[in-house]
């Protein structure tokens, strides 16, 4: 398929998504406000206050066992000041995504709940990897993990019959990437769709590239290993081993260079995977559907 056709088809899907008004206007407004450095804390507070559900989730998030605060936070401004803009951004994106995952029963071949838990697991694992393995801030890694498969849920929203054909066609014995099935049936794939919507939301360029490239064969060097495409690909591989996969029996695809990287840091990754179930348990209340 011509690359331009794939992008054009992805853009048509996003146009239909906007026409369906599936995403809450307040969430999309807040996401775009976050890209403007001139937005004040007071402006965030005034918009957040307009969405009681988001207020509840924000306060629930900051008062969760994840932070283990001694004193309960009860105001929006205090909550935002405590968690910081990057975590606020991630929470708003999570809130927007949850609306995309609602209002559909699980099918035999595809489960929105399963996909959501996969995205949550990849997000948490990505943040842990960035912080533990590379000693860097993990908020962008979390964000990239939570949105890396957003193109799948958009396809399920906009072209559900065709998307179901993708899921039905997928066979682990074929040794083909899910993106190959998507391109054959949808004439685009979730990495292209996801790259378009994360660009529309003005998320960081590194996050946009992480979404676009997380199925690519990646080269090997120290900088590449800690890039968001690599972090998400590693996390995708690790969480699949814990049965947090998109489809049943789907295993994470890992570039040969990243396999070598994991082997060279096996003690650190083994410790991470041992701690991951507990971290997911702590986050379950926050991110449950």
Foldseek 3Di string as FASTA:
>chain_A
DDPVQQLVLLVVLVVVVVVVVLFPPLLLVVLLLLLDPPDDLVNVQVSCVVDVVLLVLLQCVQCFVVPPDPDRDDGPSVSCVVVDSLVNSLSSVLVRLVSLLDDDCADPQFHSQLLQLLLQQLLVQLQCCCCQVVNDGRSLLSSLSNLLQVLLSSCCVRVVVLSVVLSVPDDVVVVDDSQVSCCVRSVYGRLSSSLVVCVVSVDDPLSSVLSNPLPPQWDADPVRCSRSSNSSLVSQQLVVVVVSHRGPPDHRDHHPNSVVVCVVVVVSVVVSSVCSVVVSVSCCVSNPD
